[in-house]
Amino acid sequence: MAQSVIVRLGAAVCVTTALMSVLALGGCGMSSITSGLGTSILGGSSDAEPTGVSEQDLMEAAKAGGDGALAMAGGDSQPGCPRFVPWPRDSYVTIYEPGRVGDGLAIMHRGEITKTARECHMNGSQVTVKYGFSGRILLGPRGHSGPISLPINVFVADAKRERVAEDRLRVDASVAVENPIGYFSAVRTITFNVPEGARAGEFEVFVGFDRTTPNAG
């Protein structure tokens, strides 16, 4: 009994140290992978659903870590495709015990989006962006073993940062005291129309954790 308590306390100290280091970095070192689908080989617009961005590749990239970008075959073959990037400050979120937001010793868990990917399919004025992202969830000193689910917001913004389309989802990962880091990945599509006189490249797609989550900081 005493030995198991010592093991748990030791693990909590290690995780707390790691989390405090991450908090100090403030989410720096964001990596991204980008790709694009242009016209078909025979010319004209392709009617096929965008392919290439996969949850498995993103999951492997998240587990590999590092600050370098993960290059995809062919590179970014469609530079006019809207960028897909984390919304400032929302690439991470820390969940605390109730009433103790901001207390480093009261952290339950922390989510981080570390990798992103996107490709485009254009059909006239309509643009479909197939986006993918991955990351990790770290168990804090006041966290509990088991599954953790965190809400994510994705939205398309025009050149004036006005939202023209939105998507909401949740990411899930399992953590434990003996294995305090869990990983997640997701791939979805979002579609929007480009007004006459505008270009698809003027738009951006953003992803971020929902900071209205209770006890988020």
N, C-alpha and C. Protein backbone atom coordinates (compact mmCIF):
# COMPACT_ATOMS: atom_id res chain seq x y z
N MET A 1 0.84 -1.21 0.00
CA MET A 1 0.00 0.00 0.00
C MET A 1 0.87 1.24 0.00
N ALA A 2 1.79 1.31 0.95
CA ALA A 2 2.68 2.47 1.04
C ALA A 2 3.52 2.61 -0.21
N GLN A 3 3.94 1.43 -0.76
CA GLN A 3 4.78 1.49 -1.96
C GLN A 3 4.01 2.05 -3.14
N SER A 4 2.70 1.64 -3.30
CA SER A 4 1.91 2.13 -4.42
C SER A 4 1.67 3.62 -4.31
N VAL A 5 1.51 4.13 -3.08
CA VAL A 5 1.32 5.56 -2.88
C VAL A 5 2.56 6.32 -3.30
N ILE A 6 3.74 5.77 -2.93
CA ILE A 6 5.01 6.40 -3.30
C ILE A 6 5.17 6.44 -4.80
N VAL A 7 4.79 5.33 -5.48
CA VAL A 7 4.90 5.28 -6.93
C VAL A 7 4.01 6.33 -7.57
N ARG A 8 2.75 6.47 -7.05
CA ARG A 8 1.82 7.45 -7.61
C ARG A 8 2.32 8.87 -7.39
N LEU A 9 2.86 9.13 -6.21
CA LEU A 9 3.37 10.47 -5.92
C LEU A 9 4.56 10.79 -6.82
N GLY A 10 5.41 9.79 -7.04
CA GLY A 10 6.58 10.00 -7.89
C GLY A 10 6.16 10.31 -9.31
N ALA A 11 5.16 9.57 -9.81
CA ALA A 11 4.66 9.81 -11.16
C ALA A 11 4.04 11.18 -11.28
N ALA A 12 3.30 11.58 -10.25
CA ALA A 12 2.65 12.89 -10.27
C ALA A 12 3.67 14.01 -10.31
N VAL A 13 4.77 13.85 -9.56
CA VAL A 13 5.81 14.86 -9.55
C VAL A 13 6.43 14.99 -10.93
N CYS A 14 6.69 13.83 -11.57
CA CYS A 14 7.29 13.85 -12.90
C CYS A 14 6.38 14.54 -13.91
N VAL A 15 5.09 14.18 -13.87
CA VAL A 15 4.15 14.76 -14.80
C VAL A 15 3.99 16.25 -14.54
N THR A 16 3.97 16.64 -13.26
CA THR A 16 3.84 18.06 -12.93
C THR A 16 5.01 18.84 -13.50
N THR A 17 6.22 18.28 -13.36
CA THR A 17 7.41 18.94 -13.89
C THR A 17 7.31 19.10 -15.40
N ALA A 18 6.86 18.04 -16.08
CA ALA A 18 6.73 18.10 -17.53
C ALA A 18 5.69 19.12 -17.94
N LEU A 19 4.57 19.13 -17.23
CA LEU A 19 3.50 20.07 -17.56
C LEU A 19 3.94 21.50 -17.33
N MET A 20 4.66 21.77 -16.25
CA MET A 20 5.11 23.12 -15.97
C MET A 20 6.08 23.59 -17.06
N SER A 21 6.90 22.66 -17.57
CA SER A 21 7.82 23.01 -18.66
C SER A 21 7.05 23.37 -19.91
N VAL A 22 5.99 22.57 -20.19
CA VAL A 22 5.18 22.84 -21.37
C VAL A 22 4.46 24.17 -21.24
N LEU A 23 3.93 24.45 -20.03
CA LEU A 23 3.24 25.72 -19.80
C LEU A 23 4.18 26.89 -20.02
N ALA A 24 5.43 26.73 -19.64
CA ALA A 24 6.40 27.81 -19.81
C ALA A 24 6.66 28.07 -21.29
N LEU A 25 6.62 26.98 -22.09
CA LEU A 25 6.86 27.14 -23.52
C LEU A 25 5.66 27.76 -24.21
N GLY A 26 4.47 27.63 -23.61
CA GLY A 26 3.29 28.26 -24.17
C GLY A 26 2.90 27.74 -25.54
N GLY A 27 3.17 26.44 -25.80
CA GLY A 27 2.72 25.86 -27.06
C GLY A 27 3.63 26.17 -28.23
N CYS A 28 4.87 26.51 -27.99
CA CYS A 28 5.80 26.81 -29.08
C CYS A 28 6.14 25.52 -29.83
N GLY A 29 6.75 25.69 -30.98
CA GLY A 29 7.20 24.53 -31.74
C GLY A 29 6.08 23.82 -32.47
N MET A 30 5.01 24.54 -32.83
CA MET A 30 3.91 23.92 -33.55
C MET A 30 4.39 23.46 -34.92
N SER A 31 4.12 22.18 -35.22
CA SER A 31 4.48 21.64 -36.52
C SER A 31 3.23 21.50 -37.36
N SER A 32 3.38 21.53 -38.67
CA SER A 32 2.23 21.35 -39.54
C SER A 32 2.65 20.63 -40.80
N ILE A 33 1.70 19.92 -41.39
CA ILE A 33 1.95 19.29 -42.67
C ILE A 33 0.83 19.74 -43.60
N THR A 34 1.18 20.09 -44.81
CA THR A 34 0.18 20.60 -45.73
C THR A 34 0.27 19.89 -47.06
N SER A 35 -0.85 19.79 -47.73
CA SER A 35 -0.91 19.20 -49.05
C SER A 35 -2.05 19.85 -49.81
N GLY A 36 -2.15 19.61 -51.11
CA GLY A 36 -3.25 20.19 -51.86
C GLY A 36 -3.65 19.32 -53.02
N LEU A 37 -4.92 19.34 -53.36
CA LEU A 37 -5.41 18.64 -54.52
C LEU A 37 -5.83 19.66 -55.55
N GLY A 38 -5.22 19.66 -56.70
CA GLY A 38 -5.57 20.62 -57.73
C GLY A 38 -6.46 19.97 -58.77
N THR A 39 -6.27 20.33 -60.04
CA THR A 39 -7.08 19.76 -61.10
C THR A 39 -6.58 18.37 -61.44
N SER A 40 -7.43 17.62 -62.13
CA SER A 40 -7.05 16.26 -62.51
C SER A 40 -5.99 16.28 -63.60
N ILE A 41 -5.44 15.12 -63.90
CA ILE A 41 -4.38 15.02 -64.90
C ILE A 41 -4.90 15.47 -66.27
N LEU A 42 -6.16 15.17 -66.57
CA LEU A 42 -6.73 15.51 -67.87
C LEU A 42 -7.23 16.95 -67.92
N GLY A 43 -7.10 17.68 -66.82
CA GLY A 43 -7.56 19.07 -66.79
C GLY A 43 -8.97 19.15 -66.24
N GLY A 44 -9.33 20.36 -65.80
CA GLY A 44 -10.66 20.54 -65.23
C GLY A 44 -10.68 20.17 -63.77
N SER A 45 -11.84 20.34 -63.14
CA SER A 45 -11.97 20.08 -61.71
C SER A 45 -12.24 18.61 -61.46
N SER A 46 -11.62 18.05 -60.43
CA SER A 46 -11.86 16.67 -60.05
C SER A 46 -13.06 16.58 -59.13
N ASP A 47 -13.96 15.61 -59.37
CA ASP A 47 -15.14 15.43 -58.54
C ASP A 47 -14.90 14.46 -57.40
N ALA A 48 -13.71 13.91 -57.31
CA ALA A 48 -13.42 12.92 -56.27
C ALA A 48 -13.29 13.59 -54.91
N GLU A 49 -13.68 12.85 -53.87
CA GLU A 49 -13.52 13.35 -52.51
C GLU A 49 -12.03 13.48 -52.21
N PRO A 50 -11.60 14.58 -51.59
CA PRO A 50 -10.18 14.73 -51.27
C PRO A 50 -9.65 13.55 -50.46
N THR A 51 -8.47 13.09 -50.81
CA THR A 51 -7.84 11.99 -50.09
C THR A 51 -6.39 12.33 -49.82
N GLY A 52 -5.75 11.59 -48.92
CA GLY A 52 -4.34 11.81 -48.66
C GLY A 52 -4.06 12.14 -47.21
N VAL A 53 -4.87 12.98 -46.61
CA VAL A 53 -4.70 13.30 -45.19
C VAL A 53 -5.33 12.16 -44.38
N SER A 54 -4.56 11.49 -43.55
CA SER A 54 -5.08 10.33 -42.83
C SER A 54 -4.86 10.46 -41.32
N GLU A 55 -5.79 9.90 -40.55
CA GLU A 55 -5.67 9.91 -39.10
C GLU A 55 -4.44 9.15 -38.65
N GLN A 56 -4.13 8.04 -39.34
CA GLN A 56 -2.98 7.23 -38.94
C GLN A 56 -1.67 8.01 -39.09
N ASP A 57 -1.50 8.70 -40.22
CA ASP A 57 -0.27 9.48 -40.42
C ASP A 57 -0.15 10.60 -39.39
N LEU A 58 -1.28 11.25 -39.11
CA LEU A 58 -1.27 12.33 -38.13
C LEU A 58 -0.97 11.80 -36.73
N MET A 59 -1.54 10.63 -36.40
CA MET A 59 -1.28 10.04 -35.09
C MET A 59 0.20 9.70 -34.94
N GLU A 60 0.78 9.10 -35.98
CA GLU A 60 2.20 8.75 -35.94
C GLU A 60 3.06 10.01 -35.81
N ALA A 61 2.66 11.09 -36.50
CA ALA A 61 3.41 12.34 -36.43
C ALA A 61 3.35 12.93 -35.02
N ALA A 62 2.17 12.84 -34.39
CA ALA A 62 2.02 13.36 -33.03
C ALA A 62 2.89 12.58 -32.05
N LYS A 63 2.92 11.26 -32.21
CA LYS A 63 3.73 10.43 -31.31
C LYS A 63 5.23 10.66 -31.53
N ALA A 64 5.60 10.96 -32.79
CA ALA A 64 7.02 11.19 -33.09
C ALA A 64 7.50 12.50 -32.49
N GLY A 65 6.58 13.47 -32.33
CA GLY A 65 6.94 14.75 -31.73
C GLY A 65 7.91 15.53 -32.60
N GLY A 66 8.70 16.38 -31.96
CA GLY A 66 9.66 17.19 -32.70
C GLY A 66 9.04 18.46 -33.25
N ASP A 67 9.91 19.37 -33.67
CA ASP A 67 9.45 20.66 -34.18
C ASP A 67 9.45 20.74 -35.70
N GLY A 68 9.99 19.74 -36.37
CA GLY A 68 10.08 19.82 -37.83
C GLY A 68 8.75 19.53 -38.49
N ALA A 69 8.51 20.12 -39.67
CA ALA A 69 7.29 19.86 -40.43
C ALA A 69 7.39 18.50 -41.10
N LEU A 70 6.27 17.80 -41.18
CA LEU A 70 6.23 16.49 -41.83
C LEU A 70 5.87 16.70 -43.29
N ALA A 71 6.82 16.44 -44.19
CA ALA A 71 6.58 16.67 -45.61
C ALA A 71 5.72 15.56 -46.19
N MET A 72 4.77 15.94 -47.07
CA MET A 72 3.94 14.96 -47.76
C MET A 72 4.38 14.88 -49.22
N ALA A 73 4.10 13.75 -49.83
CA ALA A 73 4.50 13.53 -51.22
C ALA A 73 3.95 14.64 -52.11
N GLY A 74 4.82 15.24 -52.90
CA GLY A 74 4.38 16.29 -53.81
C GLY A 74 4.39 17.67 -53.19
N GLY A 75 4.59 17.75 -51.87
CA GLY A 75 4.59 19.04 -51.21
C GLY A 75 3.24 19.71 -51.28
N ASP A 76 3.20 21.02 -51.20
CA ASP A 76 1.96 21.77 -51.27
C ASP A 76 1.70 22.11 -52.73
N SER A 77 1.00 21.21 -53.44
CA SER A 77 0.81 21.37 -54.88
C SER A 77 -0.29 22.35 -55.22
N GLN A 78 -0.96 22.90 -54.21
CA GLN A 78 -2.02 23.87 -54.46
C GLN A 78 -1.89 25.03 -53.48
N PRO A 79 -0.98 25.96 -53.75
CA PRO A 79 -0.74 27.07 -52.83
C PRO A 79 -1.95 27.96 -52.62
N GLY A 80 -2.96 27.91 -53.52
CA GLY A 80 -4.16 28.72 -53.35
C GLY A 80 -5.13 28.15 -52.35
N CYS A 81 -4.85 26.96 -51.84
CA CYS A 81 -5.72 26.33 -50.84
C CYS A 81 -5.63 27.10 -49.53
N PRO A 82 -6.76 27.35 -48.86
CA PRO A 82 -6.71 28.07 -47.58
C PRO A 82 -5.78 27.40 -46.58
N ARG A 83 -5.06 28.19 -45.82
CA ARG A 83 -4.21 27.64 -44.77
C ARG A 83 -5.07 27.02 -43.69
N PHE A 84 -4.54 26.00 -43.02
CA PHE A 84 -5.20 25.39 -41.87
C PHE A 84 -4.23 25.46 -40.70
N VAL A 85 -4.53 26.31 -39.73
CA VAL A 85 -3.61 26.57 -38.62
C VAL A 85 -4.39 26.68 -37.31
N PRO A 86 -3.70 26.48 -36.17
CA PRO A 86 -4.35 26.66 -34.88
C PRO A 86 -4.69 28.14 -34.64
N TRP A 87 -5.83 28.39 -34.04
CA TRP A 87 -6.19 29.74 -33.63
C TRP A 87 -5.23 30.16 -32.52
N PRO A 88 -4.73 31.40 -32.55
CA PRO A 88 -3.76 31.84 -31.54
C PRO A 88 -4.21 31.52 -30.11
N ARG A 89 -3.33 30.90 -29.36
CA ARG A 89 -3.51 30.53 -27.96
C ARG A 89 -4.44 29.33 -27.75
N ASP A 90 -5.15 28.89 -28.77
CA ASP A 90 -6.09 27.79 -28.57
C ASP A 90 -5.55 26.44 -29.04
N SER A 91 -4.25 26.38 -29.34
CA SER A 91 -3.66 25.10 -29.69
C SER A 91 -3.46 24.23 -28.46
N TYR A 92 -3.70 24.79 -27.28
CA TYR A 92 -3.59 24.03 -26.05
C TYR A 92 -4.65 24.51 -25.06
N VAL A 93 -5.00 23.66 -24.12
CA VAL A 93 -5.92 24.04 -23.05
C VAL A 93 -5.57 23.20 -21.82
N THR A 94 -5.65 23.83 -20.66
CA THR A 94 -5.36 23.15 -19.40
C THR A 94 -6.63 23.13 -18.56
N ILE A 95 -6.96 21.97 -18.04
CA ILE A 95 -8.16 21.80 -17.21
C ILE A 95 -7.72 21.63 -15.76
N TYR A 96 -8.28 22.47 -14.89
CA TYR A 96 -7.93 22.47 -13.47
C TYR A 96 -9.08 21.93 -12.61
N GLU A 97 -8.76 21.67 -11.36
CA GLU A 97 -9.80 21.34 -10.40
C GLU A 97 -10.73 22.55 -10.23
N PRO A 98 -12.01 22.33 -9.94
CA PRO A 98 -12.94 23.45 -9.78
C PRO A 98 -12.45 24.47 -8.75
N GLY A 99 -12.49 25.75 -9.12
CA GLY A 99 -12.09 26.81 -8.21
C GLY A 99 -10.60 27.03 -8.10
N ARG A 100 -9.79 26.32 -8.91
CA ARG A 100 -8.34 26.44 -8.77
C ARG A 100 -7.66 26.70 -10.13
N VAL A 101 -8.37 27.35 -11.04
CA VAL A 101 -7.81 27.64 -12.37
C VAL A 101 -6.56 28.51 -12.22
N GLY A 102 -5.49 28.09 -12.86
CA GLY A 102 -4.23 28.81 -12.79
C GLY A 102 -3.25 28.24 -11.78
N ASP A 103 -3.69 27.32 -10.94
CA ASP A 103 -2.83 26.69 -9.93
C ASP A 103 -2.16 25.48 -10.56
N GLY A 104 -0.84 25.55 -10.70
CA GLY A 104 -0.10 24.46 -11.34
C GLY A 104 -0.22 23.13 -10.63
N LEU A 105 -0.52 23.15 -9.34
CA LEU A 105 -0.66 21.90 -8.58
C LEU A 105 -2.06 21.34 -8.67
N ALA A 106 -2.98 22.08 -9.32
CA ALA A 106 -4.37 21.64 -9.43
C ALA A 106 -4.72 21.21 -10.85
N ILE A 107 -3.70 20.98 -11.69
CA ILE A 107 -3.96 20.57 -13.07
C ILE A 107 -4.47 19.14 -13.12
N MET A 108 -5.60 18.97 -13.80
CA MET A 108 -6.13 17.62 -14.01
C MET A 108 -5.57 17.02 -15.30
N HIS A 109 -5.66 17.76 -16.38
CA HIS A 109 -5.05 17.32 -17.63
C HIS A 109 -4.90 18.50 -18.57
N ARG A 110 -4.11 18.30 -19.61
CA ARG A 110 -3.81 19.36 -20.58
C ARG A 110 -3.86 18.78 -21.97
N GLY A 111 -4.56 19.46 -22.89
CA GLY A 111 -4.63 19.02 -24.28
C GLY A 111 -3.77 19.91 -25.15
N GLU A 112 -3.14 19.33 -26.16
CA GLU A 112 -2.29 20.08 -27.08
C GLU A 112 -2.51 19.60 -28.51
N ILE A 113 -2.71 20.53 -29.43
CA ILE A 113 -2.75 20.22 -30.86
C ILE A 113 -1.35 20.48 -31.41
N THR A 114 -0.71 19.46 -31.92
CA THR A 114 0.69 19.61 -32.32
C THR A 114 0.93 19.46 -33.82
N LYS A 115 0.02 18.81 -34.54
CA LYS A 115 0.20 18.60 -35.98
C LYS A 115 -1.07 18.97 -36.73
N THR A 116 -0.94 19.53 -37.91
CA THR A 116 -2.09 19.83 -38.76
C THR A 116 -1.80 19.44 -40.20
N ALA A 117 -2.86 19.20 -40.96
CA ALA A 117 -2.73 18.87 -42.38
C ALA A 117 -4.00 19.31 -43.09
N ARG A 118 -3.91 19.60 -44.37
CA ARG A 118 -5.10 19.94 -45.14
C ARG A 118 -4.88 19.74 -46.63
N GLU A 119 -5.97 19.49 -47.34
CA GLU A 119 -5.98 19.45 -48.79
C GLU A 119 -7.28 20.06 -49.27
N CYS A 120 -7.33 20.46 -50.53
CA CYS A 120 -8.50 21.16 -51.05
C CYS A 120 -9.09 20.49 -52.29
N HIS A 121 -10.39 20.67 -52.43
CA HIS A 121 -11.09 20.31 -53.66
C HIS A 121 -11.92 21.53 -54.03
N MET A 122 -11.73 22.07 -55.25
CA MET A 122 -12.45 23.25 -55.67
C MET A 122 -13.39 22.92 -56.81
N ASN A 123 -14.62 23.36 -56.69
CA ASN A 123 -15.64 23.13 -57.71
C ASN A 123 -16.37 24.45 -57.94
N GLY A 124 -15.89 25.22 -58.92
CA GLY A 124 -16.45 26.54 -59.14
C GLY A 124 -16.11 27.45 -57.96
N SER A 125 -17.12 28.05 -57.37
CA SER A 125 -16.90 28.94 -56.23
C SER A 125 -16.93 28.19 -54.90
N GLN A 126 -17.18 26.90 -54.95
CA GLN A 126 -17.27 26.10 -53.72
C GLN A 126 -15.93 25.43 -53.42
N VAL A 127 -15.51 25.56 -52.18
CA VAL A 127 -14.24 24.97 -51.74
C VAL A 127 -14.50 24.00 -50.61
N THR A 128 -13.97 22.79 -50.74
CA THR A 128 -14.03 21.80 -49.67
C THR A 128 -12.62 21.56 -49.16
N VAL A 129 -12.41 21.81 -47.89
CA VAL A 129 -11.12 21.59 -47.27
C VAL A 129 -11.19 20.33 -46.42
N LYS A 130 -10.36 19.38 -46.76
CA LYS A 130 -10.24 18.19 -45.92
C LYS A 130 -9.12 18.49 -44.93
N TYR A 131 -9.48 18.62 -43.67
CA TYR A 131 -8.49 19.00 -42.66
C TYR A 131 -8.26 17.86 -41.68
N GLY A 132 -7.06 17.83 -41.14
CA GLY A 132 -6.73 16.84 -40.14
C GLY A 132 -5.79 17.45 -39.11
N PHE A 133 -5.87 16.96 -37.90
CA PHE A 133 -4.97 17.43 -36.85
C PHE A 133 -4.78 16.31 -35.83
N SER A 134 -3.73 16.44 -35.06
CA SER A 134 -3.45 15.45 -34.02
C SER A 134 -2.74 16.14 -32.87
N GLY A 135 -2.61 15.43 -31.78
CA GLY A 135 -1.97 16.00 -30.60
C GLY A 135 -1.96 15.02 -29.45
N ARG A 136 -1.90 15.57 -28.25
CA ARG A 136 -1.78 14.71 -27.08
C ARG A 136 -2.53 15.31 -25.89
N ILE A 137 -2.84 14.43 -24.94
CA ILE A 137 -3.43 14.84 -23.67
C ILE A 137 -2.53 14.33 -22.56
N LEU A 138 -2.11 15.23 -21.67
CA LEU A 138 -1.21 14.88 -20.59
C LEU A 138 -1.97 14.88 -19.26
N LEU A 139 -1.73 13.86 -18.47
CA LEU A 139 -2.35 13.75 -17.16
C LEU A 139 -1.61 14.64 -16.16
N GLY A 140 -2.36 15.44 -15.41
CA GLY A 140 -1.78 16.31 -14.41
C GLY A 140 -1.74 15.68 -13.04
N PRO A 141 -1.16 16.37 -12.06
CA PRO A 141 -1.03 15.81 -10.71
C PRO A 141 -2.36 15.55 -10.03
N ARG A 142 -3.44 16.21 -10.45
CA ARG A 142 -4.76 15.99 -9.85
C ARG A 142 -5.69 15.26 -10.81
N GLY A 143 -5.13 14.70 -11.87
CA GLY A 143 -5.94 13.98 -12.84
C GLY A 143 -6.21 12.54 -12.43
N HIS A 144 -7.07 11.90 -13.20
CA HIS A 144 -7.46 10.52 -12.91
C HIS A 144 -7.26 9.65 -14.16
N SER A 145 -6.93 8.41 -13.94
CA SER A 145 -6.77 7.47 -15.04
C SER A 145 -8.11 7.24 -15.74
N GLY A 146 -8.06 7.04 -17.06
CA GLY A 146 -9.28 6.77 -17.80
C GLY A 146 -9.38 7.60 -19.06
N PRO A 147 -10.50 7.50 -19.77
CA PRO A 147 -10.68 8.28 -21.01
C PRO A 147 -10.93 9.75 -20.72
N ILE A 148 -10.42 10.62 -21.60
CA ILE A 148 -10.63 12.07 -21.50
C ILE A 148 -11.12 12.57 -22.84
N SER A 149 -12.14 13.42 -22.82
CA SER A 149 -12.71 13.98 -24.03
C SER A 149 -12.66 15.51 -23.95
N LEU A 150 -12.18 16.14 -25.01
CA LEU A 150 -12.08 17.60 -25.04
C LEU A 150 -12.74 18.15 -26.30
N PRO A 151 -13.49 19.26 -26.20
CA PRO A 151 -14.16 19.85 -27.36
C PRO A 151 -13.22 20.69 -28.22
N ILE A 152 -13.45 20.62 -29.54
CA ILE A 152 -12.63 21.33 -30.51
C ILE A 152 -13.54 22.19 -31.40
N ASN A 153 -13.10 23.39 -31.70
CA ASN A 153 -13.79 24.27 -32.64
C ASN A 153 -12.95 24.43 -33.90
N VAL A 154 -13.60 24.32 -35.06
CA VAL A 154 -12.95 24.56 -36.35
C VAL A 154 -13.82 25.56 -37.10
N PHE A 155 -13.20 26.57 -37.70
CA PHE A 155 -13.99 27.53 -38.46
C PHE A 155 -13.18 28.12 -39.60
N VAL A 156 -13.91 28.56 -40.63
CA VAL A 156 -13.32 29.22 -41.79
C VAL A 156 -13.53 30.71 -41.63
N ALA A 157 -12.49 31.50 -41.86
CA ALA A 157 -12.58 32.96 -41.76
C ALA A 157 -12.10 33.59 -43.06
N ASP A 158 -12.75 34.69 -43.44
CA ASP A 158 -12.33 35.40 -44.64
C ASP A 158 -11.21 36.38 -44.31
N ALA A 159 -10.85 37.23 -45.26
CA ALA A 159 -9.73 38.15 -45.07
C ALA A 159 -9.98 39.13 -43.93
N LYS A 160 -11.26 39.38 -43.60
CA LYS A 160 -11.60 40.29 -42.50
C LYS A 160 -11.81 39.55 -41.17
N ARG A 161 -11.45 38.26 -41.15
CA ARG A 161 -11.61 37.40 -39.98
C ARG A 161 -13.09 37.19 -39.60
N GLU A 162 -13.97 37.33 -40.60
CA GLU A 162 -15.39 37.03 -40.39
C GLU A 162 -15.59 35.54 -40.64
N ARG A 163 -16.31 34.88 -39.76
CA ARG A 163 -16.53 33.44 -39.89
C ARG A 163 -17.58 33.15 -40.96
N VAL A 164 -17.24 32.21 -41.87
CA VAL A 164 -18.17 31.85 -42.93
C VAL A 164 -18.63 30.40 -42.84
N ALA A 165 -17.97 29.59 -42.03
CA ALA A 165 -18.36 28.19 -41.82
C ALA A 165 -17.73 27.71 -40.52
N GLU A 166 -18.40 26.77 -39.85
CA GLU A 166 -17.91 26.26 -38.57
C GLU A 166 -18.12 24.76 -38.47
N ASP A 167 -17.33 24.13 -37.65
CA ASP A 167 -17.44 22.70 -37.37
C ASP A 167 -17.04 22.49 -35.91
N ARG A 168 -17.72 21.59 -35.24
CA ARG A 168 -17.40 21.28 -33.84
C ARG A 168 -17.27 19.77 -33.68
N LEU A 169 -16.31 19.36 -32.90
CA LEU A 169 -16.10 17.94 -32.66
C LEU A 169 -15.41 17.76 -31.31
N ARG A 170 -15.18 16.52 -30.94
CA ARG A 170 -14.46 16.21 -29.70
C ARG A 170 -13.33 15.26 -30.02
N VAL A 171 -12.24 15.36 -29.26
CA VAL A 171 -11.13 14.41 -29.38
C VAL A 171 -11.04 13.62 -28.08
N ASP A 172 -10.63 12.37 -28.21
CA ASP A 172 -10.59 11.48 -27.06
C ASP A 172 -9.25 10.78 -26.95
N ALA A 173 -8.82 10.58 -25.73
CA ALA A 173 -7.58 9.84 -25.46
C ALA A 173 -7.69 9.24 -24.07
N SER A 174 -6.95 8.17 -23.84
CA SER A 174 -6.92 7.53 -22.52
C SER A 174 -5.56 7.75 -21.89
N VAL A 175 -5.56 8.06 -20.60
CA VAL A 175 -4.31 8.27 -19.86
C VAL A 175 -4.37 7.48 -18.55
N ALA A 176 -3.22 7.26 -17.97
CA ALA A 176 -3.13 6.56 -16.69
C ALA A 176 -1.90 7.06 -15.96
N VAL A 177 -1.84 6.83 -14.67
CA VAL A 177 -0.70 7.28 -13.88
C VAL A 177 0.60 6.69 -14.43
N GLU A 178 0.55 5.40 -14.82
CA GLU A 178 1.76 4.76 -15.33
C GLU A 178 2.00 5.08 -16.80
N ASN A 179 1.01 5.68 -17.47
CA ASN A 179 1.15 6.06 -18.88
C ASN A 179 0.42 7.40 -19.07
N PRO A 180 1.02 8.50 -18.59
CA PRO A 180 0.31 9.78 -18.47
C PRO A 180 0.14 10.61 -19.75
N ILE A 181 0.46 10.05 -20.92
CA ILE A 181 0.29 10.78 -22.17
C ILE A 181 -0.54 9.94 -23.14
N GLY A 182 -1.65 10.49 -23.59
CA GLY A 182 -2.49 9.84 -24.59
C GLY A 182 -2.51 10.67 -25.86
N TYR A 183 -2.73 10.05 -27.02
CA TYR A 183 -2.69 10.76 -28.29
C TYR A 183 -4.04 10.68 -29.01
N PHE A 184 -4.31 11.68 -29.85
CA PHE A 184 -5.55 11.72 -30.61
C PHE A 184 -5.28 12.23 -32.01
N SER A 185 -6.18 11.93 -32.93
CA SER A 185 -6.13 12.48 -34.28
C SER A 185 -7.54 12.50 -34.84
N ALA A 186 -7.77 13.40 -35.80
CA ALA A 186 -9.09 13.52 -36.41
C ALA A 186 -8.94 14.05 -37.83
N VAL A 187 -9.81 13.59 -38.72
CA VAL A 187 -9.84 14.07 -40.10
C VAL A 187 -11.30 14.29 -40.48
N ARG A 188 -11.62 15.48 -40.98
CA ARG A 188 -12.98 15.83 -41.40
C ARG A 188 -12.91 16.79 -42.58
N THR A 189 -14.08 17.19 -43.09
CA THR A 189 -14.13 18.16 -44.18
C THR A 189 -15.04 19.32 -43.79
N ILE A 190 -14.76 20.48 -44.37
CA ILE A 190 -15.60 21.66 -44.20
C ILE A 190 -15.69 22.36 -45.55
N THR A 191 -16.89 22.82 -45.90
CA THR A 191 -17.14 23.42 -47.22
C THR A 191 -17.66 24.84 -47.08
N PHE A 192 -17.21 25.71 -47.98
CA PHE A 192 -17.69 27.09 -47.98
C PHE A 192 -17.63 27.64 -49.40
N ASN A 193 -18.31 28.75 -49.62
CA ASN A 193 -18.34 29.39 -50.93
C ASN A 193 -17.45 30.64 -50.95
N VAL A 194 -16.77 30.83 -52.05
CA VAL A 194 -15.92 32.01 -52.23
C VAL A 194 -16.70 33.05 -53.03
N PRO A 195 -16.94 34.23 -52.47
CA PRO A 195 -17.71 35.26 -53.19
C PRO A 195 -17.00 35.70 -54.46
N GLU A 196 -17.76 36.22 -55.39
CA GLU A 196 -17.19 36.73 -56.63
C GLU A 196 -16.20 37.86 -56.33
N GLY A 197 -15.05 37.80 -56.93
CA GLY A 197 -14.02 38.81 -56.70
C GLY A 197 -13.02 38.43 -55.64
N ALA A 198 -13.30 37.37 -54.89
CA ALA A 198 -12.37 36.90 -53.84
C ALA A 198 -11.65 35.65 -54.32
N ARG A 199 -10.61 35.26 -53.61
CA ARG A 199 -9.84 34.07 -53.94
C ARG A 199 -9.84 33.12 -52.75
N ALA A 200 -9.79 31.83 -53.01
CA ALA A 200 -9.80 30.83 -51.94
C ALA A 200 -8.63 31.03 -50.99
N GLY A 201 -7.47 31.46 -51.54
CA GLY A 201 -6.29 31.64 -50.70
C GLY A 201 -6.41 32.77 -49.70
N GLU A 202 -7.44 33.62 -49.86
CA GLU A 202 -7.64 34.71 -48.90
C GLU A 202 -8.32 34.22 -47.61
N PHE A 203 -8.84 32.99 -47.66
CA PHE A 203 -9.51 32.43 -46.50
C PHE A 203 -8.52 31.58 -45.68
N GLU A 204 -8.86 31.37 -44.43
CA GLU A 204 -8.06 30.51 -43.57
C GLU A 204 -9.00 29.62 -42.75
N VAL A 205 -8.52 28.43 -42.46
CA VAL A 205 -9.27 27.51 -41.60
C VAL A 205 -8.50 27.39 -40.28
N PHE A 206 -9.21 27.62 -39.19
CA PHE A 206 -8.58 27.61 -37.87
C PHE A 206 -9.12 26.46 -37.02
N VAL A 207 -8.27 25.95 -36.15
CA VAL A 207 -8.66 24.90 -35.21
C VAL A 207 -8.18 25.30 -33.82
N GLY A 208 -8.94 24.94 -32.82
CA GLY A 208 -8.54 25.25 -31.46
C GLY A 208 -9.44 24.57 -30.44
N PHE A 209 -8.93 24.42 -29.24
CA PHE A 209 -9.75 23.88 -28.15
C PHE A 209 -10.81 24.90 -27.74
N ASP A 210 -11.93 24.41 -27.30
CA ASP A 210 -13.01 25.28 -26.82
C ASP A 210 -12.71 25.71 -25.39
N ARG A 211 -12.35 26.98 -25.23
CA ARG A 211 -11.95 27.46 -23.90
C ARG A 211 -13.15 27.79 -23.01
N THR A 212 -14.37 27.56 -23.49
CA THR A 212 -15.53 27.71 -22.61
C THR A 212 -15.77 26.46 -21.79
N THR A 213 -14.91 25.45 -21.99
CA THR A 213 -14.99 24.22 -21.19
C THR A 213 -14.83 24.56 -19.72
N PRO A 214 -15.67 23.99 -18.85
CA PRO A 214 -15.56 24.28 -17.41
C PRO A 214 -14.15 24.04 -16.87
N ASN A 215 -13.66 24.98 -16.07
CA ASN A 215 -12.36 24.89 -15.39
C ASN A 215 -11.18 24.92 -16.35
N ALA A 216 -11.39 25.48 -17.55
CA ALA A 216 -10.30 25.59 -18.52
C ALA A 216 -9.49 26.84 -18.29
N GLY A 217 -8.19 26.75 -18.55
CA GLY A 217 -7.33 27.89 -18.39
C GLY A 217 -6.24 27.90 -19.44
